[in-house]
């Protein structure tokens, strides 16, 4: 039986990856310090003898007994609310954390896949964004703690690949959504749905002309799975290339939820990307992958999930939102 370590395993994406690799017959070790992860995302796996959970901060030395075939490094705050609140921890998990994972991979002779992000492209001057684009990032701006942590992760991963011959994979993740997202994580989709469910007006930052491309979580997980098992060591964009403006997206959420709220506008945050759309040519050619779930279908599933949450979760999520168009 193959054994895989998934850091950030109790998070939104990490928990879905735990589910997928359990279904594929792996022994899964989830590791998380639960700063932004939630144990409830993986508690359904606890009775499974092929699943184990380690409550640990990967910025500290990592010890895993026995063999390891694969390591997925998904431990990192991913929403602006989180990484602006804990900027030092964000930088540490993107530097010390990846260094520890790469060192463990060398010891175990394991293949590593790291979760990078479309934020390495910053506020892009090339559209849509191909992997060859180097980006337009402000390293000392408010988003720099996240953007530069991810850019460093890519650099050190490629260094281990070229210098040590380590088997490495890099996925650049574009906006992803689905069940287990936190209503209070500051990202636009759960924020809009949360406001609609609470009967609040939907808040748009800027004039709403900025664009995003939303990928349903099952599609993303499939792309990651294929990339891990491929022989391609360089970055690959995984995301849905269907682009939509934030204003159009707000209108979709209002229609989906059947609410009568209006849209209100606030100033655009510093360094907020104006456009975000992946060029997925590499994923199509190398992985034979492209998204299968339409936005309408994915939003319906996600909305049903949020509606099923206890009422206290809904109102716990009501807070002043900033940097929310990510």
C-alpha atoms as a PDB file:
ATOM      1  CA  UNK A   1       0.000   0.000   0.000  1.00  0.00           C
ATOM      2  CA  UNK A   2       1.338   3.425  -1.001  1.00  0.00           C
ATOM      3  CA  UNK A   3       1.770   5.903   1.856  1.00  0.00           C
ATOM      4  CA  UNK A   4       1.216   9.648   1.407  1.00  0.00           C
ATOM      5  CA  UNK A   5       1.709  12.609   3.747  1.00  0.00           C
ATOM      6  CA  UNK A   6      -0.652  15.553   3.175  1.00  0.00           C
ATOM      7  CA  UNK A   7       0.322  18.694   5.071  1.00  0.00           C
ATOM      8  CA  UNK A   8      -2.564  21.053   5.697  1.00  0.00           C
ATOM      9  CA  UNK A   9      -4.702  17.925   5.619  1.00  0.00           C
ATOM     10  CA  UNK A  10      -7.508  19.397   7.726  1.00  0.00           C
ATOM     11  CA  UNK A  11      -7.964  22.402   5.455  1.00  0.00           C
ATOM     12  CA  UNK A  12     -10.423  22.906   2.619  1.00  0.00           C
ATOM     13  CA  UNK A  13      -8.273  21.465  -0.163  1.00  0.00           C
ATOM     14  CA  UNK A  14      -6.221  19.168   2.058  1.00  0.00           C
ATOM     15  CA  UNK A  15      -9.273  17.364   3.392  1.00  0.00           C
ATOM     16  CA  UNK A  16     -10.634  16.736  -0.111  1.00  0.00           C
ATOM     17  CA  UNK A  17      -7.228  15.339  -1.076  1.00  0.00           C
ATOM     18  CA  UNK A  18      -7.320  13.045   1.958  1.00  0.00           C
ATOM     19  CA  UNK A  19     -10.689  11.738   0.755  1.00  0.00           C
ATOM     20  CA  UNK A  20      -9.415  11.163  -2.774  1.00  0.00           C
ATOM     21  CA  UNK A  21      -6.292   9.261  -1.781  1.00  0.00           C
ATOM     22  CA  UNK A  22      -8.207   7.118   0.713  1.00  0.00           C
ATOM     23  CA  UNK A  23     -10.571   6.190  -2.134  1.00  0.00           C
ATOM     24  CA  UNK A  24      -7.568   5.363  -4.310  1.00  0.00           C
ATOM     25  CA  UNK A  25      -6.351   2.847  -1.708  1.00  0.00           C
ATOM     26  CA  UNK A  26      -3.498   4.841  -0.134  1.00  0.00           C
ATOM     27  CA  UNK A  27      -2.506   5.003   3.506  1.00  0.00           C
ATOM     28  CA  UNK A  28      -3.006   8.704   4.230  1.00  0.00           C
ATOM     29  CA  UNK A  29      -1.208  10.701   6.924  1.00  0.00           C
ATOM     30  CA  UNK A  30      -2.774  14.132   7.405  1.00  0.00           C
ATOM     31  CA  UNK A  31      -0.694  16.760   9.205  1.00  0.00           C
ATOM     32  CA  UNK A  32      -2.097  20.105  10.372  1.00  0.00           C
ATOM     33  CA  UNK A  33      -1.581  22.583  13.211  1.00  0.00           C
ATOM     34  CA  UNK A  34      -5.260  23.616  12.911  1.00  0.00           C
ATOM     35  CA  UNK A  35      -4.539  27.352  12.782  1.00  0.00           C
ATOM     36  CA  UNK A  36      -6.797  27.648   9.743  1.00  0.00           C
ATOM     37  CA  UNK A  37      -7.735  23.983   9.263  1.00  0.00           C
ATOM     38  CA  UNK A  38     -10.738  22.338  10.927  1.00  0.00           C
ATOM     39  CA  UNK A  39     -10.672  18.867  12.444  1.00  0.00           C
ATOM     40  CA  UNK A  40     -14.323  18.450  11.426  1.00  0.00           C
ATOM     41  CA  UNK A  41     -13.197  18.310   7.779  1.00  0.00           C
ATOM     42  CA  UNK A  42     -11.490  14.968   8.362  1.00  0.00           C
ATOM     43  CA  UNK A  43     -13.182  13.441  11.413  1.00  0.00           C
ATOM     44  CA  UNK A  44     -15.227  11.152   9.151  1.00  0.00           C
ATOM     45  CA  UNK A  45     -11.911   9.481   8.218  1.00  0.00           C
ATOM     46  CA  UNK A  46     -10.802   8.704  11.773  1.00  0.00           C
ATOM     47  CA  UNK A  47     -12.398   5.219  11.900  1.00  0.00           C
ATOM     48  CA  UNK A  48     -10.525   4.236   8.731  1.00  0.00           C
ATOM     49  CA  UNK A  49      -7.431   2.133   9.583  1.00  0.00           C
ATOM     50  CA  UNK A  50      -5.645   3.594   6.555  1.00  0.00           C
ATOM     51  CA  UNK A  51      -5.906   7.147   7.867  1.00  0.00           C
ATOM     52  CA  UNK A  52      -3.968   8.881  10.622  1.00  0.00           C
ATOM     53  CA  UNK A  53      -3.794  12.467  11.822  1.00  0.00           C
ATOM     54  CA  UNK A  54      -0.734  14.258  13.209  1.00  0.00           C
ATOM     55  CA  UNK A  55      -1.377  17.555  15.000  1.00  0.00           C
ATOM     56  CA  UNK A  56       1.868  19.293  14.093  1.00  0.00           C
ATOM     57  CA  UNK A  57       3.281  22.544  12.692  1.00  0.00           C
ATOM     58  CA  UNK A  58       5.339  21.722   9.605  1.00  0.00           C
ATOM     59  CA  UNK A  59       7.508  24.783  10.240  1.00  0.00           C
ATOM     60  CA  UNK A  60       9.021  22.609  12.972  1.00  0.00           C
ATOM     61  CA  UNK A  61      11.017  19.432  12.299  1.00  0.00           C
ATOM     62  CA  UNK A  62       8.818  16.746  10.722  1.00  0.00           C
ATOM     63  CA  UNK A  63       9.068  13.109  11.762  1.00  0.00           C
ATOM     64  CA  UNK A  64       6.985  10.400  10.105  1.00  0.00           C
ATOM     65  CA  UNK A  65       7.737   6.783  10.952  1.00  0.00           C
ATOM     66  CA  UNK A  66       7.984   4.235   8.160  1.00  0.00           C
ATOM     67  CA  UNK A  67       8.157   4.596   4.423  1.00  0.00           C
ATOM     68  CA  UNK A  68       6.626   7.439   2.431  1.00  0.00           C
ATOM     69  CA  UNK A  69       5.942   7.379  -1.292  1.00  0.00           C
ATOM     70  CA  UNK A  70       4.490  10.865  -1.710  1.00  0.00           C
ATOM     71  CA  UNK A  71       4.281  14.210   0.096  1.00  0.00           C
ATOM     72  CA  UNK A  72       1.703  16.875  -0.745  1.00  0.00           C
ATOM     73  CA  UNK A  73       2.584  20.237   0.825  1.00  0.00           C
ATOM     74  CA  UNK A  74      -0.706  22.107   1.251  1.00  0.00           C
ATOM     75  CA  UNK A  75      -0.033  23.667   4.648  1.00  0.00           C
ATOM     76  CA  UNK A  76      -0.486  27.422   4.294  1.00  0.00           C
ATOM     77  CA  UNK A  77      -3.056  30.105   5.046  1.00  0.00           C
ATOM     78  CA  UNK A  78      -4.726  30.753   1.711  1.00  0.00           C
ATOM     79  CA  UNK A  79      -7.195  33.583   2.316  1.00  0.00           C
ATOM     80  CA  UNK A  80      -6.312  37.247   2.772  1.00  0.00           C
ATOM     81  CA  UNK A  81      -8.115  37.344   6.114  1.00  0.00           C
ATOM     82  CA  UNK A  82      -5.768  34.621   7.363  1.00  0.00           C
ATOM     83  CA  UNK A  83      -2.427  35.658   5.934  1.00  0.00           C
ATOM     84  CA  UNK A  84      -2.893  39.296   6.887  1.00  0.00           C
ATOM     85  CA  UNK A  85      -3.687  38.184  10.440  1.00  0.00           C
ATOM     86  CA  UNK A  86      -0.741  35.761  10.695  1.00  0.00           C
ATOM     87  CA  UNK A  87       1.857  37.059   8.211  1.00  0.00           C
ATOM     88  CA  UNK A  88       4.918  35.610   9.962  1.00  0.00           C
ATOM     89  CA  UNK A  89       3.418  32.116  10.152  1.00  0.00           C
ATOM     90  CA  UNK A  90       2.498  32.402   6.461  1.00  0.00           C
ATOM     91  CA  UNK A  91       6.088  33.199   5.531  1.00  0.00           C
ATOM     92  CA  UNK A  92       7.437  30.459   7.799  1.00  0.00           C
ATOM     93  CA  UNK A  93       5.251  27.701   6.373  1.00  0.00           C
ATOM     94  CA  UNK A  94       6.271  28.813   2.874  1.00  0.00           C
ATOM     95  CA  UNK A  95       9.974  28.692   3.743  1.00  0.00           C
ATOM     96  CA  UNK A  96      10.749  26.544   6.790  1.00  0.00           C
ATOM     97  CA  UNK A  97       7.752  24.321   6.117  1.00  0.00           C
ATOM     98  CA  UNK A  98       8.678  23.503   2.532  1.00  0.00           C
ATOM     99  CA  UNK A  99      12.326  23.066   3.542  1.00  0.00           C
ATOM    100  CA  UNK A 100      11.295  20.472   6.128  1.00  0.00           C
ATOM    101  CA  UNK A 101       9.067  18.684   3.611  1.00  0.00           C
ATOM    102  CA  UNK A 102      11.815  18.560   0.999  1.00  0.00           C
ATOM    103  CA  UNK A 103      14.298  17.272   3.569  1.00  0.00           C
ATOM    104  CA  UNK A 104      11.853  14.562   4.618  1.00  0.00           C
ATOM    105  CA  UNK A 105      11.313  13.645   0.975  1.00  0.00           C
ATOM    106  CA  UNK A 106      15.056  13.158   0.500  1.00  0.00           C
ATOM    107  CA  UNK A 107      15.265  10.899   3.538  1.00  0.00           C
ATOM    108  CA  UNK A 108      12.221   8.860   2.478  1.00  0.00           C
ATOM    109  CA  UNK A 109      12.991   8.969  -1.274  1.00  0.00           C
ATOM    110  CA  UNK A 110       9.476  10.331  -1.763  1.00  0.00           C
ATOM    111  CA  UNK A 111       7.994  12.430  -4.544  1.00  0.00           C
ATOM    112  CA  UNK A 112       6.846  15.925  -3.482  1.00  0.00           C
ATOM    113  CA  UNK A 113       4.000  17.983  -4.911  1.00  0.00           C
ATOM    114  CA  UNK A 114       3.702  21.559  -3.656  1.00  0.00           C
ATOM    115  CA  UNK A 115       0.631  23.771  -3.734  1.00  0.00           C
ATOM    116  CA  UNK A 116       1.551  27.021  -5.407  1.00  0.00           C
ATOM    117  CA  UNK A 117      -0.982  29.603  -6.502  1.00  0.00           C
ATOM    118  CA  UNK A 118      -2.075  31.961  -9.236  1.00  0.00           C
ATOM    119  CA  UNK A 119      -0.954  34.721  -6.848  1.00  0.00           C
ATOM    120  CA  UNK A 120       2.619  34.161  -8.066  1.00  0.00           C
ATOM    121  CA  UNK A 121       1.449  36.112 -11.130  1.00  0.00           C
ATOM    122  CA  UNK A 122       0.456  39.095  -8.955  1.00  0.00           C
ATOM    123  CA  UNK A 123      -1.559  41.743 -10.792  1.00  0.00           C
ATOM    124  CA  UNK A 124      -0.828  40.314 -14.245  1.00  0.00           C
ATOM    125  CA  UNK A 125       0.136  42.209 -17.359  1.00  0.00           C
ATOM    126  CA  UNK A 126      -0.345  39.049 -19.459  1.00  0.00           C
ATOM    127  CA  UNK A 127      -3.811  37.571 -19.923  1.00  0.00           C
ATOM    128  CA  UNK A 128      -4.672  34.738 -19.617  1.00  0.00           C
ATOM    129  CA  UNK A 129      -1.696  33.699 -17.505  1.00  0.00           C
ATOM    130  CA  UNK A 130       0.586  30.944 -18.876  1.00  0.00           C
ATOM    131  CA  UNK A 131       3.183  29.191 -16.737  1.00  0.00           C
ATOM    132  CA  UNK A 132       5.966  31.012 -18.591  1.00  0.00           C
ATOM    133  CA  UNK A 133       4.771  34.396 -17.283  1.00  0.00           C
ATOM    134  CA  UNK A 134       7.010  35.599 -14.431  1.00  0.00           C
ATOM    135  CA  UNK A 135       4.417  37.758 -12.750  1.00  0.00           C
ATOM    136  CA  UNK A 136       3.935  41.310 -11.483  1.00  0.00           C
ATOM    137  CA  UNK A 137       4.213  41.073  -7.692  1.00  0.00           C
ATOM    138  CA  UNK A 138       4.776  43.721  -5.038  1.00  0.00           C
ATOM    139  CA  UNK A 139       7.035  41.961  -2.489  1.00  0.00           C
ATOM    140  CA  UNK A 140       6.492  44.572   0.238  1.00  0.00           C
ATOM    141  CA  UNK A 141       2.764  45.161  -0.265  1.00  0.00           C
ATOM    142  CA  UNK A 142       0.104  43.688   2.041  1.00  0.00           C
ATOM    143  CA  UNK A 143      -0.240  40.583  -0.148  1.00  0.00           C
ATOM    144  CA  UNK A 144       3.526  40.045  -0.385  1.00  0.00           C
ATOM    145  CA  UNK A 145       3.683  37.699   2.608  1.00  0.00           C
ATOM    146  CA  UNK A 146       1.592  35.159   0.704  1.00  0.00           C
ATOM    147  CA  UNK A 147       2.750  35.851  -2.860  1.00  0.00           C
ATOM    148  CA  UNK A 148       6.458  35.751  -2.031  1.00  0.00           C
ATOM    149  CA  UNK A 149       6.114  32.710   0.238  1.00  0.00           C
ATOM    150  CA  UNK A 150       4.660  30.797  -2.692  1.00  0.00           C
ATOM    151  CA  UNK A 151       7.280  32.090  -5.122  1.00  0.00           C
ATOM    152  CA  UNK A 152      10.021  30.985  -2.712  1.00  0.00           C
ATOM    153  CA  UNK A 153       8.369  27.563  -2.409  1.00  0.00           C
ATOM    154  CA  UNK A 154       8.620  27.124  -6.157  1.00  0.00           C
ATOM    155  CA  UNK A 155      12.249  28.254  -6.224  1.00  0.00           C
ATOM    156  CA  UNK A 156      13.467  25.941  -3.457  1.00  0.00           C
ATOM    157  CA  UNK A 157      11.452  23.030  -4.867  1.00  0.00           C
ATOM    158  CA  UNK A 158      13.106  23.419  -8.265  1.00  0.00           C
ATOM    159  CA  UNK A 159      16.505  23.748  -6.545  1.00  0.00           C
ATOM    160  CA  UNK A 160      15.989  20.403  -4.805  1.00  0.00           C
ATOM    161  CA  UNK A 161      14.898  18.921  -8.117  1.00  0.00           C
ATOM    162  CA  UNK A 162      17.917  20.152 -10.089  1.00  0.00           C
ATOM    163  CA  UNK A 163      20.585  19.850  -7.384  1.00  0.00           C
ATOM    164  CA  UNK A 164      19.464  16.726  -5.502  1.00  0.00           C
ATOM    165  CA  UNK A 165      17.486  15.016  -8.267  1.00  0.00           C
ATOM    166  CA  UNK A 166      14.372  14.965  -6.077  1.00  0.00           C
ATOM    167  CA  UNK A 167      11.090  14.019  -7.758  1.00  0.00           C
ATOM    168  CA  UNK A 168       9.034  17.219  -7.541  1.00  0.00           C
ATOM    169  CA  UNK A 169       5.743  18.555  -8.909  1.00  0.00           C
ATOM    170  CA  UNK A 170       4.340  22.120  -8.728  1.00  0.00           C
ATOM    171  CA  UNK A 171       0.655  22.963  -9.108  1.00  0.00           C
ATOM    172  CA  UNK A 172      -0.414  26.589  -9.524  1.00  0.00           C
ATOM    173  CA  UNK A 173      -3.949  26.693  -8.162  1.00  0.00           C
ATOM    174  CA  UNK A 174      -6.489  29.220  -9.381  1.00  0.00           C
ATOM    175  CA  UNK A 175      -9.637  30.198  -7.456  1.00  0.00           C
ATOM    176  CA  UNK A 176     -11.243  27.030  -6.141  1.00  0.00           C
ATOM    177  CA  UNK A 177     -14.538  26.549  -4.320  1.00  0.00           C
ATOM    178  CA  UNK A 178     -16.770  23.853  -2.897  1.00  0.00           C
ATOM    179  CA  UNK A 179     -17.983  22.281   0.349  1.00  0.00           C
ATOM    180  CA  UNK A 180     -15.785  22.792   3.450  1.00  0.00           C
ATOM    181  CA  UNK A 181     -14.827  26.343   2.562  1.00  0.00           C
ATOM    182  CA  UNK A 182     -15.072  28.588   5.599  1.00  0.00           C
ATOM    183  CA  UNK A 183     -17.780  31.223   5.433  1.00  0.00           C
ATOM    184  CA  UNK A 184     -15.460  33.621   7.261  1.00  0.00           C
ATOM    185  CA  UNK A 185     -12.294  33.138   5.231  1.00  0.00           C
ATOM    186  CA  UNK A 186     -12.681  36.416   3.325  1.00  0.00           C
ATOM    187  CA  UNK A 187     -12.810  35.022  -0.200  1.00  0.00           C
ATOM    188  CA  UNK A 188     -15.444  36.305  -2.542  1.00  0.00           C
ATOM    189  CA  UNK A 189     -17.586  33.191  -3.035  1.00  0.00           C
ATOM    190  CA  UNK A 190     -18.269  32.248   0.611  1.00  0.00           C
ATOM    191  CA  UNK A 191     -18.508  35.951   1.483  1.00  0.00           C
ATOM    192  CA  UNK A 192     -21.224  36.550  -1.129  1.00  0.00           C
ATOM    193  CA  UNK A 193     -23.170  33.417  -0.164  1.00  0.00           C
ATOM    194  CA  UNK A 194     -22.856  34.221   3.539  1.00  0.00           C
ATOM    195  CA  UNK A 195     -24.160  37.748   2.987  1.00  0.00           C
ATOM    196  CA  UNK A 196     -27.054  36.414   0.920  1.00  0.00           C
ATOM    197  CA  UNK A 197     -27.982  33.844   3.574  1.00  0.00           C
ATOM    198  CA  UNK A 198     -27.897  36.522   6.289  1.00  0.00           C
ATOM    199  CA  UNK A 199     -30.039  38.889   4.228  1.00  0.00           C
ATOM    200  CA  UNK A 200     -27.239  41.431   3.812  1.00  0.00           C
ATOM    201  CA  UNK A 201     -26.302  43.424   0.748  1.00  0.00           C
ATOM    202  CA  UNK A 202     -23.428  41.936  -1.271  1.00  0.00           C
ATOM    203  CA  UNK A 203     -20.199  43.908  -0.991  1.00  0.00           C
ATOM    204  CA  UNK A 204     -18.044  44.455  -4.071  1.00  0.00           C
ATOM    205  CA  UNK A 205     -14.631  46.069  -3.733  1.00  0.00           C
ATOM    206  CA  UNK A 206     -13.800  48.308  -6.674  1.00  0.00           C
ATOM    207  CA  UNK A 207     -16.231  48.702  -9.560  1.00  0.00           C
ATOM    208  CA  UNK A 208     -16.705  44.951 -10.023  1.00  0.00           C
ATOM    209  CA  UNK A 209     -14.955  44.831 -13.377  1.00  0.00           C
ATOM    210  CA  UNK A 210     -12.075  42.729 -12.027  1.00  0.00           C
ATOM    211  CA  UNK A 211     -12.295  39.104 -13.144  1.00  0.00           C
ATOM    212  CA  UNK A 212     -11.879  35.682 -11.559  1.00  0.00           C
ATOM    213  CA  UNK A 213     -12.100  32.113 -12.841  1.00  0.00           C
ATOM    214  CA  UNK A 214     -13.683  29.636 -10.423  1.00  0.00           C
ATOM    215  CA  UNK A 215     -12.811  25.913 -10.399  1.00  0.00           C
ATOM    216  CA  UNK A 216     -14.902  23.364  -8.495  1.00  0.00           C
ATOM    217  CA  UNK A 217     -12.903  21.432  -5.921  1.00  0.00           C
ATOM    218  CA  UNK A 218     -13.454  17.960  -7.437  1.00  0.00           C
ATOM    219  CA  UNK A 219     -11.987  19.147 -10.735  1.00  0.00           C
ATOM    220  CA  UNK A 220      -8.992  20.623  -8.945  1.00  0.00           C
ATOM    221  CA  UNK A 221      -8.347  17.425  -6.995  1.00  0.00           C
ATOM    222  CA  UNK A 222      -8.449  15.401 -10.210  1.00  0.00           C
ATOM    223  CA  UNK A 223      -5.863  17.711 -11.768  1.00  0.00           C
ATOM    224  CA  UNK A 224      -3.599  17.450  -8.723  1.00  0.00           C
ATOM    225  CA  UNK A 225      -3.901  13.664  -8.713  1.00  0.00           C
ATOM    226  CA  UNK A 226      -2.907  13.456 -12.372  1.00  0.00           C
ATOM    227  CA  UNK A 227      -0.013  15.873 -11.908  1.00  0.00           C
ATOM    228  CA  UNK A 228       1.369  13.916  -8.946  1.00  0.00           C
ATOM    229  CA  UNK A 229       1.460  10.720 -11.000  1.00  0.00           C
ATOM    230  CA  UNK A 230       2.871  12.426 -14.105  1.00  0.00           C
ATOM    231  CA  UNK A 231       6.555  12.832 -14.948  1.00  0.00           C
ATOM    232  CA  UNK A 232       6.400  16.644 -15.377  1.00  0.00           C
ATOM    233  CA  UNK A 233       8.482  18.603 -12.796  1.00  0.00           C
ATOM    234  CA  UNK A 234       7.676  22.184 -13.823  1.00  0.00           C
ATOM    235  CA  UNK A 235       4.713  24.351 -12.742  1.00  0.00           C
ATOM    236  CA  UNK A 236       1.287  23.534 -14.158  1.00  0.00           C
ATOM    237  CA  UNK A 237      -1.793  25.775 -13.935  1.00  0.00           C
ATOM    238  CA  UNK A 238      -4.873  23.994 -12.638  1.00  0.00           C
ATOM    239  CA  UNK A 239      -8.041  26.065 -12.776  1.00  0.00           C
ATOM    240  CA  UNK A 240     -11.165  26.772 -14.763  1.00  0.00           C
ATOM    241  CA  UNK A 241     -10.516  29.162 -17.684  1.00  0.00           C
ATOM    242  CA  UNK A 242     -14.138  30.388 -17.794  1.00  0.00           C
ATOM    243  CA  UNK A 243     -13.729  34.021 -16.716  1.00  0.00           C
ATOM    244  CA  UNK A 244     -16.369  36.184 -15.012  1.00  0.00           C
ATOM    245  CA  UNK A 245     -16.383  39.683 -13.544  1.00  0.00           C
ATOM    246  CA  UNK A 246     -17.015  40.100  -9.830  1.00  0.00           C
ATOM    247  CA  UNK A 247     -20.145  42.126 -10.615  1.00  0.00           C
ATOM    248  CA  UNK A 248     -21.523  39.346 -12.834  1.00  0.00           C
ATOM    249  CA  UNK A 249     -20.632  36.823 -10.156  1.00  0.00           C
ATOM    250  CA  UNK A 250     -22.557  38.767  -7.506  1.00  0.00           C
ATOM    251  CA  UNK A 251     -25.579  38.753  -9.808  1.00  0.00           C
ATOM    252  CA  UNK A 252     -25.246  34.971 -10.196  1.00  0.00           C
ATOM    253  CA  UNK A 253     -25.206  34.521  -6.418  1.00  0.00           C
ATOM    254  CA  UNK A 254     -28.301  36.697  -5.997  1.00  0.00           C
ATOM    255  CA  UNK A 255     -30.111  34.625  -8.628  1.00  0.00           C
ATOM    256  CA  UNK A 256     -28.918  31.346  -7.083  1.00  0.00           C
ATOM    257  CA  UNK A 257     -30.008  32.249  -3.564  1.00  0.00           C
ATOM    258  CA  UNK A 258     -33.282  33.875  -4.614  1.00  0.00           C
ATOM    259  CA  UNK A 259     -32.603  36.879  -2.440  1.00  0.00           C
ATOM    260  CA  UNK A 260     -33.488  40.500  -3.131  1.00  0.00           C
ATOM    261  CA  UNK A 261     -30.384  42.218  -1.769  1.00  0.00           C
ATOM    262  CA  UNK A 262     -28.610  44.875  -3.728  1.00  0.00           C
ATOM    263  CA  UNK A 263     -24.903  45.227  -4.421  1.00  0.00           C
ATOM    264  CA  UNK A 264     -22.873  47.861  -2.579  1.00  0.00           C
ATOM    265  CA  UNK A 265     -19.428  49.084  -3.579  1.00  0.00           C
ATOM    266  CA  UNK A 266     -16.316  49.841  -1.506  1.00  0.00           C
ATOM    267  CA  UNK A 267     -12.771  50.921  -2.485  1.00  0.00           C
ATOM    268  CA  UNK A 268     -10.527  48.323  -4.130  1.00  0.00           C
ATOM    269  CA  UNK A 269      -7.799  47.006  -1.795  1.00  0.00           C
ATOM    270  CA  UNK A 270      -4.105  47.585  -2.477  1.00  0.00           C
ATOM    271  CA  UNK A 271      -2.540  45.320  -5.135  1.00  0.00           C
ATOM    272  CA  UNK A 272      -5.793  43.463  -5.778  1.00  0.00           C
ATOM    273  CA  UNK A 273      -5.425  41.630  -9.129  1.00  0.00           C
ATOM    274  CA  UNK A 274      -7.554  43.095 -11.917  1.00  0.00           C
ATOM    275  CA  UNK A 275      -7.654  39.886 -13.975  1.00  0.00           C
ATOM    276  CA  UNK A 276      -7.297  36.230 -13.174  1.00  0.00           C
ATOM    277  CA  UNK A 277      -7.684  33.529 -15.831  1.00  0.00           C
ATOM    278  CA  UNK A 278      -5.512  30.441 -16.257  1.00  0.00           C
ATOM    279  CA  UNK A 279      -4.030  29.279 -19.504  1.00  0.00           C
ATOM    280  CA  UNK A 280      -4.487  25.515 -19.071  1.00  0.00           C
ATOM    281  CA  UNK A 281      -2.869  24.339 -22.309  1.00  0.00           C
ATOM    282  CA  UNK A 282      -0.164  22.449 -20.400  1.00  0.00           C
ATOM    283  CA  UNK A 283      -2.724  20.666 -18.224  1.00  0.00           C
ATOM    284  CA  UNK A 284      -4.691  19.638 -21.295  1.00  0.00           C
ATOM    285  CA  UNK A 285      -1.652  18.353 -23.187  1.00  0.00           C
ATOM    286  CA  UNK A 286       0.429  16.845 -20.364  1.00  0.00           C
ATOM    287  CA  UNK A 287      -2.311  15.619 -17.994  1.00  0.00           C
ATOM    288  CA  UNK A 288      -5.258  15.224 -20.392  1.00  0.00           C
ATOM    289  CA  UNK A 289      -7.158  17.344 -17.859  1.00  0.00           C
ATOM    290  CA  UNK A 290      -9.714  20.089 -18.047  1.00  0.00           C
ATOM    291  CA  UNK A 291     -12.631  21.037 -15.765  1.00  0.00           C
ATOM    292  CA  UNK A 292     -15.815  18.982 -16.003  1.00  0.00           C
ATOM    293  CA  UNK A 293     -18.112  20.664 -13.451  1.00  0.00           C
ATOM    294  CA  UNK A 294     -19.970  23.747 -14.676  1.00  0.00           C
ATOM    295  CA  UNK A 295     -20.072  26.805 -12.442  1.00  0.00           C
ATOM    296  CA  UNK A 296     -23.862  26.492 -12.170  1.00  0.00           C
ATOM    297  CA  UNK A 297     -23.614  22.910 -10.906  1.00  0.00           C
ATOM    298  CA  UNK A 298     -20.701  23.616  -8.570  1.00  0.00           C
ATOM    299  CA  UNK A 299     -22.381  26.683  -7.086  1.00  0.00           C
ATOM    300  CA  UNK A 300     -25.583  24.737  -6.434  1.00  0.00           C
ATOM    301  CA  UNK A 301     -23.673  22.048  -4.520  1.00  0.00           C
ATOM    302  CA  UNK A 302     -21.698  24.643  -2.581  1.00  0.00           C
ATOM    303  CA  UNK A 303     -24.799  26.684  -1.748  1.00  0.00           C
ATOM    304  CA  UNK A 304     -26.575  23.573  -0.461  1.00  0.00           C
ATOM    305  CA  UNK A 305     -23.546  22.876   1.752  1.00  0.00           C
ATOM    306  CA  UNK A 306     -23.562  26.377   3.244  1.00  0.00           C
ATOM    307  CA  UNK A 307     -27.340  26.224   3.801  1.00  0.00           C
ATOM    308  CA  UNK A 308     -26.855  23.007   5.797  1.00  0.00           C
ATOM    309  CA  UNK A 309     -24.486  24.636   8.300  1.00  0.00           C
ATOM    310  CA  UNK A 310     -25.753  25.421  11.813  1.00  0.00           C
ATOM    311  CA  UNK A 311     -27.118  28.948  12.166  1.00  0.00           C
ATOM    312  CA  UNK A 312     -24.360  29.924  14.598  1.00  0.00           C
ATOM    313  CA  UNK A 313     -21.787  29.193  11.875  1.00  0.00           C
ATOM    314  CA  UNK A 314     -23.556  31.588   9.543  1.00  0.00           C
ATOM    315  CA  UNK A 315     -23.576  34.463  11.992  1.00  0.00           C
ATOM    316  CA  UNK A 316     -20.115  33.736  13.309  1.00  0.00           C
ATOM    317  CA  UNK A 317     -18.987  34.538   9.794  1.00  0.00           C
ATOM    318  CA  UNK A 318     -20.440  38.070   9.801  1.00  0.00           C
ATOM    319  CA  UNK A 319     -17.482  40.454  10.006  1.00  0.00           C
ATOM    320  CA  UNK A 320     -15.965  43.380   8.135  1.00  0.00           C
ATOM    321  CA  UNK A 321     -14.447  41.998   4.969  1.00  0.00           C
ATOM    322  CA  UNK A 322     -11.287  43.275   3.278  1.00  0.00           C
ATOM    323  CA  UNK A 323      -9.110  41.972   0.420  1.00  0.00           C
ATOM    324  CA  UNK A 324     -12.100  39.795  -0.464  1.00  0.00           C
ATOM    325  CA  UNK A 325     -11.914  39.499  -4.221  1.00  0.00           C
ATOM    326  CA  UNK A 326      -9.218  36.815  -4.126  1.00  0.00           C
END
